[in-house]
């Protein structure tokens, strides 16, 4: 949130000082580039982790919404536990295969 807010304020300042549309386009491109780099979305592994977590959150919400009612708390606990395990699988570092030279 801090990244978005600070970059938004910078963009707003540039917009007020701009003189033509071409300048605005350049400022907007700088804004987008700063957001991507400062939120680490340009790092593939981070982007994949965040994407995986968001998909799990959506799946969790879908599971909750599609339950007519929970006959007991164990069903809800099972859904929550499955989601937590999924998140851990997404963020857990992957072991490398022996013999592969990673650079």
PDB file of N, CA and C in Angstrom:
ATOM      1  N   UNK A   1       0.833  -1.190   0.000  1.00  0.00           N
ATOM      2  CA  UNK A   1       0.000   0.000   0.000  1.00  0.00           C
ATOM      3  C   UNK A   1       0.875   1.251   0.000  1.00  0.00           C
ATOM      4  N   UNK A   2       1.963   1.240   0.763  1.00  0.00           N
ATOM      5  CA  UNK A   2       2.845   2.407   0.794  1.00  0.00           C
ATOM      6  C   UNK A   2       3.447   2.687  -0.575  1.00  0.00           C
ATOM      7  N   UNK A   3       3.816   1.621  -1.280  1.00  0.00           N
ATOM      8  CA  UNK A   3       4.388   1.786  -2.615  1.00  0.00           C
ATOM      9  C   UNK A   3       3.367   2.431  -3.539  1.00  0.00           C
ATOM     10  N   UNK A   4       2.161   1.912  -3.522  1.00  0.00           N
ATOM     11  CA  UNK A   4       1.123   2.432  -4.414  1.00  0.00           C
ATOM     12  C   UNK A   4       0.825   3.893  -4.091  1.00  0.00           C
ATOM     13  N   UNK A   5       0.663   4.182  -2.809  1.00  0.00           N
ATOM     14  CA  UNK A   5       0.324   5.555  -2.415  1.00  0.00           C
ATOM     15  C   UNK A   5       1.439   6.534  -2.764  1.00  0.00           C
ATOM     16  N   UNK A   6       2.674   6.171  -2.459  1.00  0.00           N
ATOM     17  CA  UNK A   6       3.769   7.105  -2.743  1.00  0.00           C
ATOM     18  C   UNK A   6       3.945   7.311  -4.243  1.00  0.00           C
ATOM     19  N   UNK A   7       3.832   6.240  -5.016  1.00  0.00           N
ATOM     20  CA  UNK A   7       3.955   6.383  -6.467  1.00  0.00           C
ATOM     21  C   UNK A   7       2.775   7.159  -7.054  1.00  0.00           C
ATOM     22  N   UNK A   8       1.600   6.970  -6.469  1.00  0.00           N
ATOM     23  CA  UNK A   8       0.422   7.719  -6.927  1.00  0.00           C
ATOM     24  C   UNK A   8       0.630   9.218  -6.697  1.00  0.00           C
ATOM     25  N   UNK A   9       1.161   9.568  -5.529  1.00  0.00           N
ATOM     26  CA  UNK A   9       1.414  10.979  -5.230  1.00  0.00           C
ATOM     27  C   UNK A   9       2.427  11.575  -6.204  1.00  0.00           C
ATOM     28  N   UNK A  10       3.455  10.804  -6.533  1.00  0.00           N
ATOM     29  CA  UNK A  10       4.448  11.270  -7.501  1.00  0.00           C
ATOM     30  C   UNK A  10       3.791  11.480  -8.864  1.00  0.00           C
ATOM     31  N   UNK A  11       2.967  10.514  -9.277  1.00  0.00           N
ATOM     32  CA  UNK A  11       2.271  10.640 -10.562  1.00  0.00           C
ATOM     33  C   UNK A  11       1.375  11.878 -10.574  1.00  0.00           C
ATOM     34  N   UNK A  12       0.633  12.094  -9.502  1.00  0.00           N
ATOM     35  CA  UNK A  12      -0.246  13.263  -9.435  1.00  0.00           C
ATOM     36  C   UNK A  12       0.546  14.563  -9.565  1.00  0.00           C
ATOM     37  N   UNK A  13       1.695  14.617  -8.925  1.00  0.00           N
ATOM     38  CA  UNK A  13       2.547  15.800  -9.015  1.00  0.00           C
ATOM     39  C   UNK A  13       3.027  16.013 -10.448  1.00  0.00           C
ATOM     40  N   UNK A  14       3.450  14.927 -11.093  1.00  0.00           N
ATOM     41  CA  UNK A  14       3.893  15.026 -12.491  1.00  0.00           C
ATOM     42  C   UNK A  14       2.752  15.463 -13.408  1.00  0.00           C
ATOM     43  N   UNK A  15       1.557  14.961 -13.149  1.00  0.00           N
ATOM     44  CA  UNK A  15       0.402  15.324 -13.981  1.00  0.00           C
ATOM     45  C   UNK A  15       0.138  16.825 -13.901  1.00  0.00           C
ATOM     46  N   UNK A  16       0.222  17.365 -12.696  1.00  0.00           N
ATOM     47  CA  UNK A  16      -0.022  18.800 -12.529  1.00  0.00           C
ATOM     48  C   UNK A  16       1.033  19.645 -13.242  1.00  0.00           C
ATOM     49  N   UNK A  17       2.255  19.110 -13.330  1.00  0.00           N
ATOM     50  CA  UNK A  17       3.348  19.859 -13.954  1.00  0.00           C
ATOM     51  C   UNK A  17       3.509  19.576 -15.445  1.00  0.00           C
ATOM     52  N   UNK A  18       2.707  18.670 -15.987  1.00  0.00           N
ATOM     53  CA  UNK A  18       2.894  18.275 -17.389  1.00  0.00           C
ATOM     54  C   UNK A  18       2.357  19.341 -18.336  1.00  0.00           C
ATOM     55  N   UNK A  19       2.901  19.326 -19.549  1.00  0.00           N
ATOM     56  CA  UNK A  19       2.529  20.320 -20.547  1.00  0.00           C
ATOM     57  C   UNK A  19       1.844  19.720 -21.767  1.00  0.00           C
ATOM     58  N   UNK A  20       2.007  18.418 -21.974  1.00  0.00           N
ATOM     59  CA  UNK A  20       1.361  17.806 -23.138  1.00  0.00           C
ATOM     60  C   UNK A  20       1.088  16.321 -22.879  1.00  0.00           C
ATOM     61  N   UNK A  21       0.351  15.743 -23.806  1.00  0.00           N
ATOM     62  CA  UNK A  21      -0.073  14.354 -23.666  1.00  0.00           C
ATOM     63  C   UNK A  21       1.111  13.389 -23.673  1.00  0.00           C
ATOM     64  N   UNK A  22       2.104  13.663 -24.484  1.00  0.00           N
ATOM     65  CA  UNK A  22       3.275  12.785 -24.561  1.00  0.00           C
ATOM     66  C   UNK A  22       3.974  12.708 -23.210  1.00  0.00           C
ATOM     67  N   UNK A  23       4.064  13.828 -22.536  1.00  0.00           N
ATOM     68  CA  UNK A  23       4.648  13.855 -21.195  1.00  0.00           C
ATOM     69  C   UNK A  23       3.824  13.007 -20.234  1.00  0.00           C
ATOM     70  N   UNK A  24       2.504  13.129 -20.324  1.00  0.00           N
ATOM     71  CA  UNK A  24       1.611  12.342 -19.466  1.00  0.00           C
ATOM     72  C   UNK A  24       1.818  10.849 -19.673  1.00  0.00           C
ATOM     73  N   UNK A  25       1.926  10.440 -20.920  1.00  0.00           N
ATOM     74  CA  UNK A  25       2.142   9.024 -21.225  1.00  0.00           C
ATOM     75  C   UNK A  25       3.450   8.552 -20.598  1.00  0.00           C
ATOM     76  N   UNK A  26       4.491   9.355 -20.712  1.00  0.00           N
ATOM     77  CA  UNK A  26       5.784   9.007 -20.113  1.00  0.00           C
ATOM     78  C   UNK A  26       5.700   8.892 -18.602  1.00  0.00           C
ATOM     79  N   UNK A  27       5.015   9.830 -17.964  1.00  0.00           N
ATOM     80  CA  UNK A  27       4.855   9.783 -16.508  1.00  0.00           C
ATOM     81  C   UNK A  27       4.060   8.550 -16.084  1.00  0.00           C
ATOM     82  N   UNK A  28       3.036   8.230 -16.859  1.00  0.00           N
ATOM     83  CA  UNK A  28       2.233   7.046 -16.535  1.00  0.00           C
ATOM     84  C   UNK A  28       3.071   5.779 -16.680  1.00  0.00           C
ATOM     85  N   UNK A  29       3.893   5.715 -17.706  1.00  0.00           N
ATOM     86  CA  UNK A  29       4.761   4.551 -17.899  1.00  0.00           C
ATOM     87  C   UNK A  29       5.754   4.424 -16.745  1.00  0.00           C
ATOM     88  N   UNK A  30       6.319   5.543 -16.303  1.00  0.00           N
ATOM     89  CA  UNK A  30       7.225   5.533 -15.149  1.00  0.00           C
ATOM     90  C   UNK A  30       6.496   5.033 -13.907  1.00  0.00           C
ATOM     91  N   UNK A  31       5.264   5.477 -13.740  1.00  0.00           N
ATOM     92  CA  UNK A  31       4.435   5.055 -12.603  1.00  0.00           C
ATOM     93  C   UNK A  31       4.237   3.544 -12.615  1.00  0.00           C
ATOM     94  N   UNK A  32       3.835   3.011 -13.763  1.00  0.00           N
ATOM     95  CA  UNK A  32       3.606   1.567 -13.863  1.00  0.00           C
ATOM     96  C   UNK A  32       4.893   0.783 -13.635  1.00  0.00           C
ATOM     97  N   UNK A  33       5.988   1.245 -14.203  1.00  0.00           N
ATOM     98  CA  UNK A  33       7.275   0.565 -14.020  1.00  0.00           C
ATOM     99  C   UNK A  33       7.693   0.559 -12.559  1.00  0.00           C
ATOM    100  N   UNK A  34       7.509   1.684 -11.883  1.00  0.00           N
ATOM    101  CA  UNK A  34       7.860   1.765 -10.463  1.00  0.00           C
ATOM    102  C   UNK A  34       6.996   0.825  -9.635  1.00  0.00           C
ATOM    103  N   UNK A  35       5.702   0.767  -9.937  1.00  0.00           N
ATOM    104  CA  UNK A  35       4.819  -0.150  -9.203  1.00  0.00           C
ATOM    105  C   UNK A  35       5.262  -1.593  -9.375  1.00  0.00           C
ATOM    106  N   UNK A  36       5.542  -1.971 -10.599  1.00  0.00           N
ATOM    107  CA  UNK A  36       5.931  -3.354 -10.868  1.00  0.00           C
ATOM    108  C   UNK A  36       7.233  -3.699 -10.165  1.00  0.00           C
ATOM    109  N   UNK A  37       8.222  -2.830 -10.257  1.00  0.00           N
ATOM    110  CA  UNK A  37       9.518  -3.157  -9.656  1.00  0.00           C
ATOM    111  C   UNK A  37       9.493  -3.067  -8.131  1.00  0.00           C
ATOM    112  N   UNK A  38       8.796  -2.087  -7.581  1.00  0.00           N
ATOM    113  CA  UNK A  38       8.796  -1.916  -6.129  1.00  0.00           C
ATOM    114  C   UNK A  38       7.873  -2.886  -5.407  1.00  0.00           C
ATOM    115  N   UNK A  39       6.976  -3.538  -6.135  1.00  0.00           N
ATOM    116  CA  UNK A  39       6.134  -4.568  -5.519  1.00  0.00           C
ATOM    117  C   UNK A  39       6.640  -5.960  -5.863  1.00  0.00           C
ATOM    118  N   UNK A  40       7.811  -6.037  -6.488  1.00  0.00           N
ATOM    119  CA  UNK A  40       8.491  -7.292  -6.826  1.00  0.00           C
ATOM    120  C   UNK A  40       7.720  -8.145  -7.826  1.00  0.00           C
ATOM    121  N   UNK A  41       6.767  -7.563  -8.537  1.00  0.00           N
ATOM    122  CA  UNK A  41       6.010  -8.332  -9.514  1.00  0.00           C
ATOM    123  C   UNK A  41       6.830  -8.653 -10.755  1.00  0.00           C
ATOM    124  N   UNK A  42       7.987  -8.005 -10.896  1.00  0.00           N
ATOM    125  CA  UNK A  42       8.843  -8.319 -12.030  1.00  0.00           C
ATOM    126  C   UNK A  42       9.734  -9.521 -11.749  1.00  0.00           C
ATOM    127  N   UNK A  43       9.680 -10.036 -10.538  1.00  0.00           N
ATOM    128  CA  UNK A  43      10.418 -11.249 -10.183  1.00  0.00           C
ATOM    129  C   UNK A  43       9.443 -12.408 -10.332  1.00  0.00           C
ATOM    130  N   UNK A  44       9.713 -13.273 -11.292  1.00  0.00           N
ATOM    131  CA  UNK A  44       8.779 -14.342 -11.631  1.00  0.00           C
ATOM    132  C   UNK A  44       8.359 -15.196 -10.459  1.00  0.00           C
ATOM    133  N   UNK A  45       9.311 -15.551  -9.593  1.00  0.00           N
ATOM    134  CA  UNK A  45       8.977 -16.434  -8.473  1.00  0.00           C
ATOM    135  C   UNK A  45       8.013 -15.756  -7.508  1.00  0.00           C
ATOM    136  N   UNK A  46       8.205 -14.473  -7.246  1.00  0.00           N
ATOM    137  CA  UNK A  46       7.313 -13.749  -6.339  1.00  0.00           C
ATOM    138  C   UNK A  46       5.931 -13.619  -6.971  1.00  0.00           C
ATOM    139  N   UNK A  47       5.910 -13.303  -8.239  1.00  0.00           N
ATOM    140  CA  UNK A  47       4.636 -13.164  -8.937  1.00  0.00           C
ATOM    141  C   UNK A  47       3.856 -14.476  -8.924  1.00  0.00           C
ATOM    142  N   UNK A  48       4.548 -15.601  -9.154  1.00  0.00           N
ATOM    143  CA  UNK A  48       3.877 -16.909  -9.133  1.00  0.00           C
ATOM    144  C   UNK A  48       3.357 -17.241  -7.734  1.00  0.00           C
ATOM    145  N   UNK A  49       4.126 -16.909  -6.706  1.00  0.00           N
ATOM    146  CA  UNK A  49       3.688 -17.168  -5.334  1.00  0.00           C
ATOM    147  C   UNK A  49       2.430 -16.362  -5.025  1.00  0.00           C
ATOM    148  N   UNK A  50       2.448 -15.071  -5.350  1.00  0.00           N
ATOM    149  CA  UNK A  50       1.277 -14.233  -5.091  1.00  0.00           C
ATOM    150  C   UNK A  50       0.073 -14.711  -5.887  1.00  0.00           C
ATOM    151  N   UNK A  51       0.299 -15.115  -7.130  1.00  0.00           N
ATOM    152  CA  UNK A  51      -0.789 -15.632  -7.957  1.00  0.00           C
ATOM    153  C   UNK A  51      -1.361 -16.908  -7.346  1.00  0.00           C
ATOM    154  N   UNK A  52      -0.484 -17.791  -6.869  1.00  0.00           N
ATOM    155  CA  UNK A  52      -0.942 -19.030  -6.239  1.00  0.00           C
ATOM    156  C   UNK A  52      -1.754 -18.774  -4.982  1.00  0.00           C
ATOM    157  N   UNK A  53      -1.296 -17.831  -4.169  1.00  0.00           N
ATOM    158  CA  UNK A  53      -2.017 -17.501  -2.937  1.00  0.00           C
ATOM    159  C   UNK A  53      -3.380 -16.895  -3.267  1.00  0.00           C
ATOM    160  N   UNK A  54      -3.431 -16.021  -4.257  1.00  0.00           N
ATOM    161  CA  UNK A  54      -4.716 -15.423  -4.640  1.00  0.00           C
ATOM    162  C   UNK A  54      -5.688 -16.487  -5.146  1.00  0.00           C
ATOM    163  N   UNK A  55      -5.200 -17.446  -5.914  1.00  0.00           N
ATOM    164  CA  UNK A  55      -6.064 -18.528  -6.400  1.00  0.00           C
ATOM    165  C   UNK A  55      -6.591 -19.358  -5.236  1.00  0.00           C
ATOM    166  N   UNK A  56      -5.728 -19.625  -4.246  1.00  0.00           N
ATOM    167  CA  UNK A  56      -6.174 -20.370  -3.068  1.00  0.00           C
ATOM    168  C   UNK A  56      -7.224 -19.586  -2.285  1.00  0.00           C
ATOM    169  N   UNK A  57      -7.048 -18.282  -2.177  1.00  0.00           N
ATOM    170  CA  UNK A  57      -8.038 -17.453  -1.479  1.00  0.00           C
ATOM    171  C   UNK A  57      -9.384 -17.503  -2.190  1.00  0.00           C
ATOM    172  N   UNK A  58      -9.347 -17.407  -3.515  1.00  0.00           N
ATOM    173  CA  UNK A  58     -10.592 -17.486  -4.282  1.00  0.00           C
ATOM    174  C   UNK A  58     -11.252 -18.853  -4.128  1.00  0.00           C
ATOM    175  N   UNK A  59     -10.436 -19.898  -4.141  1.00  0.00           N
ATOM    176  CA  UNK A  59     -10.972 -21.248  -3.962  1.00  0.00           C
ATOM    177  C   UNK A  59     -11.585 -21.395  -2.570  1.00  0.00           C
ATOM    178  N   UNK A  60     -10.921 -20.836  -1.562  1.00  0.00           N
ATOM    179  CA  UNK A  60     -11.432 -20.887  -0.194  1.00  0.00           C
ATOM    180  C   UNK A  60     -12.790 -20.186  -0.122  1.00  0.00           C
ATOM    181  N   UNK A  61     -12.877 -18.995  -0.701  1.00  0.00           N
ATOM    182  CA  UNK A  61     -14.149 -18.256  -0.695  1.00  0.00           C
ATOM    183  C   UNK A  61     -15.235 -19.038  -1.419  1.00  0.00           C
ATOM    184  N   UNK A  62     -14.885 -19.635  -2.561  1.00  0.00           N
ATOM    185  CA  UNK A  62     -15.853 -20.426  -3.312  1.00  0.00           C
ATOM    186  C   UNK A  62     -16.347 -21.598  -2.466  1.00  0.00           C
ATOM    187  N   UNK A  63     -15.424 -22.283  -1.779  1.00  0.00           N
ATOM    188  CA  UNK A  63     -15.812 -23.414  -0.926  1.00  0.00           C
ATOM    189  C   UNK A  63     -16.759 -22.975   0.184  1.00  0.00           C
ATOM    190  N   UNK A  64     -16.469 -21.838   0.793  1.00  0.00           N
ATOM    191  CA  UNK A  64     -17.314 -21.339   1.877  1.00  0.00           C
ATOM    192  C   UNK A  64     -18.687 -20.935   1.336  1.00  0.00           C
ATOM    193  N   UNK A  65     -18.703 -20.219   0.219  1.00  0.00           N
ATOM    194  CA  UNK A  65     -19.972 -19.753  -0.345  1.00  0.00           C
ATOM    195  C   UNK A  65     -20.856 -20.897  -0.817  1.00  0.00           C
ATOM    196  N   UNK A  66     -20.260 -21.997  -1.242  1.00  0.00           N
ATOM    197  CA  UNK A  66     -21.039 -23.097  -1.799  1.00  0.00           C
ATOM    198  C   UNK A  66     -21.421 -24.157  -0.771  1.00  0.00           C
ATOM    199  N   UNK A  67     -21.141 -23.900   0.461  1.00  0.00           N
ATOM    200  CA  UNK A  67     -21.613 -24.779   1.528  1.00  0.00           C
ATOM    201  C   UNK A  67     -22.969 -24.251   1.977  1.00  0.00           C
ATOM    202  N   UNK A  68     -23.989 -25.082   1.901  1.00  0.00           N
ATOM    203  CA  UNK A  68     -25.322 -24.638   2.329  1.00  0.00           C
ATOM    204  C   UNK A  68     -25.294 -24.243   3.796  1.00  0.00           C
ATOM    205  N   UNK A  69     -24.788 -25.112   4.577  1.00  0.00           N
ATOM    206  CA  UNK A  69     -24.518 -24.803   5.981  1.00  0.00           C
ATOM    207  C   UNK A  69     -23.546 -25.858   6.481  1.00  0.00           C
ATOM    208  N   UNK A  70     -22.837 -25.522   7.481  1.00  0.00           N
ATOM    209  CA  UNK A  70     -21.871 -26.462   8.026  1.00  0.00           C
ATOM    210  C   UNK A  70     -22.556 -27.252   9.124  1.00  0.00           C
ATOM    211  N   UNK A  71     -22.692 -28.558   8.878  1.00  0.00           N
ATOM    212  CA  UNK A  71     -23.359 -29.393   9.877  1.00  0.00           C
ATOM    213  C   UNK A  71     -22.522 -29.478  11.145  1.00  0.00           C
ATOM    214  N   UNK A  72     -21.231 -29.353  10.994  1.00  0.00           N
ATOM    215  CA  UNK A  72     -20.365 -29.294  12.170  1.00  0.00           C
ATOM    216  C   UNK A  72     -19.115 -28.490  11.816  1.00  0.00           C
ATOM    217  N   UNK A  73     -18.377 -28.134  12.819  1.00  0.00           N
ATOM    218  CA  UNK A  73     -17.206 -27.289  12.590  1.00  0.00           C
ATOM    219  C   UNK A  73     -16.077 -28.048  11.911  1.00  0.00           C
ATOM    220  N   UNK A  74     -16.129 -29.366  11.896  1.00  0.00           N
ATOM    221  CA  UNK A  74     -15.036 -30.119  11.281  1.00  0.00           C
ATOM    222  C   UNK A  74     -14.962 -29.859   9.773  1.00  0.00           C
ATOM    223  N   UNK A  75     -16.101 -29.634   9.113  1.00  0.00           N
ATOM    224  CA  UNK A  75     -16.080 -29.317   7.681  1.00  0.00           C
ATOM    225  C   UNK A  75     -15.358 -27.995   7.435  1.00  0.00           C
ATOM    226  N   UNK A  76     -15.689 -26.985   8.224  1.00  0.00           N
ATOM    227  CA  UNK A  76     -15.043 -25.684   8.091  1.00  0.00           C
ATOM    228  C   UNK A  76     -13.552 -25.795   8.409  1.00  0.00           C
ATOM    229  N   UNK A  77     -13.225 -26.543   9.451  1.00  0.00           N
ATOM    230  CA  UNK A  77     -11.822 -26.734   9.816  1.00  0.00           C
ATOM    231  C   UNK A  77     -11.063 -27.436   8.695  1.00  0.00           C
ATOM    232  N   UNK A  78     -11.706 -28.404   8.043  1.00  0.00           N
ATOM    233  CA  UNK A  78     -11.061 -29.125   6.944  1.00  0.00           C
ATOM    234  C   UNK A  78     -10.767 -28.176   5.777  1.00  0.00           C
ATOM    235  N   UNK A  79     -11.723 -27.325   5.436  1.00  0.00           N
ATOM    236  CA  UNK A  79     -11.521 -26.360   4.350  1.00  0.00           C
ATOM    237  C   UNK A  79     -10.390 -25.400   4.709  1.00  0.00           C
ATOM    238  N   UNK A  80     -10.391 -24.890   5.931  1.00  0.00           N
ATOM    239  CA  UNK A  80      -9.348 -23.959   6.367  1.00  0.00           C
ATOM    240  C   UNK A  80      -7.983 -24.638   6.378  1.00  0.00           C
ATOM    241  N   UNK A  81      -7.934 -25.873   6.844  1.00  0.00           N
ATOM    242  CA  UNK A  81      -6.671 -26.612   6.893  1.00  0.00           C
ATOM    243  C   UNK A  81      -6.143 -26.884   5.481  1.00  0.00           C
ATOM    244  N   UNK A  82      -7.021 -27.261   4.578  1.00  0.00           N
ATOM    245  CA  UNK A  82      -6.607 -27.510   3.190  1.00  0.00           C
ATOM    246  C   UNK A  82      -6.053 -26.239   2.552  1.00  0.00           C
ATOM    247  N   UNK A  83      -6.697 -25.123   2.831  1.00  0.00           N
ATOM    248  CA  UNK A  83      -6.226 -23.848   2.288  1.00  0.00           C
ATOM    249  C   UNK A  83      -4.863 -23.492   2.869  1.00  0.00           C
ATOM    250  N   UNK A  84      -4.692 -23.670   4.170  1.00  0.00           N
ATOM    251  CA  UNK A  84      -3.409 -23.369   4.811  1.00  0.00           C
ATOM    252  C   UNK A  84      -2.297 -24.249   4.240  1.00  0.00           C
ATOM    253  N   UNK A  85      -2.584 -25.528   4.029  1.00  0.00           N
ATOM    254  CA  UNK A  85      -1.587 -26.425   3.436  1.00  0.00           C
ATOM    255  C   UNK A  85      -1.239 -25.974   2.020  1.00  0.00           C
ATOM    256  N   UNK A  86      -2.248 -25.548   1.285  1.00  0.00           N
ATOM    257  CA  UNK A  86      -2.004 -25.055  -0.069  1.00  0.00           C
ATOM    258  C   UNK A  86      -1.100 -23.839  -0.073  1.00  0.00           C
ATOM    259  N   UNK A  87      -1.326 -22.917   0.849  1.00  0.00           N
ATOM    260  CA  UNK A  87      -0.482 -21.725   0.946  1.00  0.00           C
ATOM    261  C   UNK A  87       0.947 -22.130   1.279  1.00  0.00           C
ATOM    262  N   UNK A  88       1.106 -23.051   2.208  1.00  0.00           N
ATOM    263  CA  UNK A  88       2.453 -23.496   2.574  1.00  0.00           C
ATOM    264  C   UNK A  88       3.152 -24.149   1.384  1.00  0.00           C
ATOM    265  N   UNK A  89       2.423 -24.902   0.589  1.00  0.00           N
ATOM    266  CA  UNK A  89       3.023 -25.521  -0.597  1.00  0.00           C
ATOM    267  C   UNK A  89       3.450 -24.477  -1.619  1.00  0.00           C
ATOM    268  N   UNK A  90       2.715 -23.392  -1.690  1.00  0.00           N
ATOM    269  CA  UNK A  90       3.053 -22.335  -2.646  1.00  0.00           C
ATOM    270  C   UNK A  90       4.301 -21.584  -2.206  1.00  0.00           C
ATOM    271  N   UNK A  91       4.413 -21.264  -0.921  1.00  0.00           N
ATOM    272  CA  UNK A  91       5.523 -20.421  -0.460  1.00  0.00           C
ATOM    273  C   UNK A  91       6.758 -21.205  -0.042  1.00  0.00           C
ATOM    274  N   UNK A  92       6.629 -22.498   0.138  1.00  0.00           N
ATOM    275  CA  UNK A  92       7.773 -23.314   0.557  1.00  0.00           C
ATOM    276  C   UNK A  92       8.801 -23.356  -0.564  1.00  0.00           C
ATOM    277  N   UNK A  93      10.083 -23.154  -0.211  1.00  0.00           N
ATOM    278  CA  UNK A  93      11.119 -23.232  -1.246  1.00  0.00           C
ATOM    279  C   UNK A  93      11.169 -24.636  -1.843  1.00  0.00           C
ATOM    280  N   UNK A  94      11.391 -24.695  -3.132  1.00  0.00           N
ATOM    281  CA  UNK A  94      11.475 -25.972  -3.825  1.00  0.00           C
ATOM    282  C   UNK A  94      12.905 -26.503  -3.748  1.00  0.00           C
ATOM    283  N   UNK A  95      13.075 -27.764  -3.381  1.00  0.00           N
ATOM    284  CA  UNK A  95      14.435 -28.319  -3.388  1.00  0.00           C
ATOM    285  C   UNK A  95      14.924 -28.464  -4.830  1.00  0.00           C
ATOM    286  N   UNK A  96      16.197 -28.275  -5.016  1.00  0.00           N
ATOM    287  CA  UNK A  96      16.747 -28.434  -6.355  1.00  0.00           C
ATOM    288  C   UNK A  96      17.161 -29.877  -6.557  1.00  0.00           C
ATOM    289  N   UNK A  97      17.144 -30.299  -7.784  1.00  0.00           N
ATOM    290  CA  UNK A  97      17.554 -31.658  -8.096  1.00  0.00           C
ATOM    291  C   UNK A  97      19.067 -31.758  -8.036  1.00  0.00           C
ATOM    292  N   UNK A  98      19.587 -32.864  -7.460  1.00  0.00           N
ATOM    293  CA  UNK A  98      21.041 -33.011  -7.412  1.00  0.00           C
ATOM    294  C   UNK A  98      21.608 -33.093  -8.831  1.00  0.00           C
ATOM    295  N   UNK A  99      22.771 -32.528  -8.999  1.00  0.00           N
ATOM    296  CA  UNK A  99      23.431 -32.599 -10.290  1.00  0.00           C
ATOM    297  C   UNK A  99      23.077 -31.469 -11.238  1.00  0.00           C
ATOM    298  N   UNK A 100      22.087 -30.664 -10.887  1.00  0.00           N
ATOM    299  CA  UNK A 100      21.749 -29.529 -11.732  1.00  0.00           C
ATOM    300  C   UNK A 100      22.507 -28.308 -11.244  1.00  0.00           C
ATOM    301  N   UNK A 101      23.167 -27.668 -12.133  1.00  0.00           N
ATOM    302  CA  UNK A 101      23.908 -26.467 -11.785  1.00  0.00           C
ATOM    303  C   UNK A 101      22.993 -25.273 -11.978  1.00  0.00           C
ATOM    304  N   UNK A 102      22.561 -24.664 -10.883  1.00  0.00           N
ATOM    305  CA  UNK A 102      21.662 -23.518 -10.984  1.00  0.00           C
ATOM    306  C   UNK A 102      22.457 -22.233 -10.886  1.00  0.00           C
ATOM    307  N   UNK A 103      22.230 -21.379 -11.851  1.00  0.00           N
ATOM    308  CA  UNK A 103      22.921 -20.090 -11.854  1.00  0.00           C
ATOM    309  C   UNK A 103      21.941 -18.987 -12.040  1.00  0.00           C
TER     310      UNK A 103
END
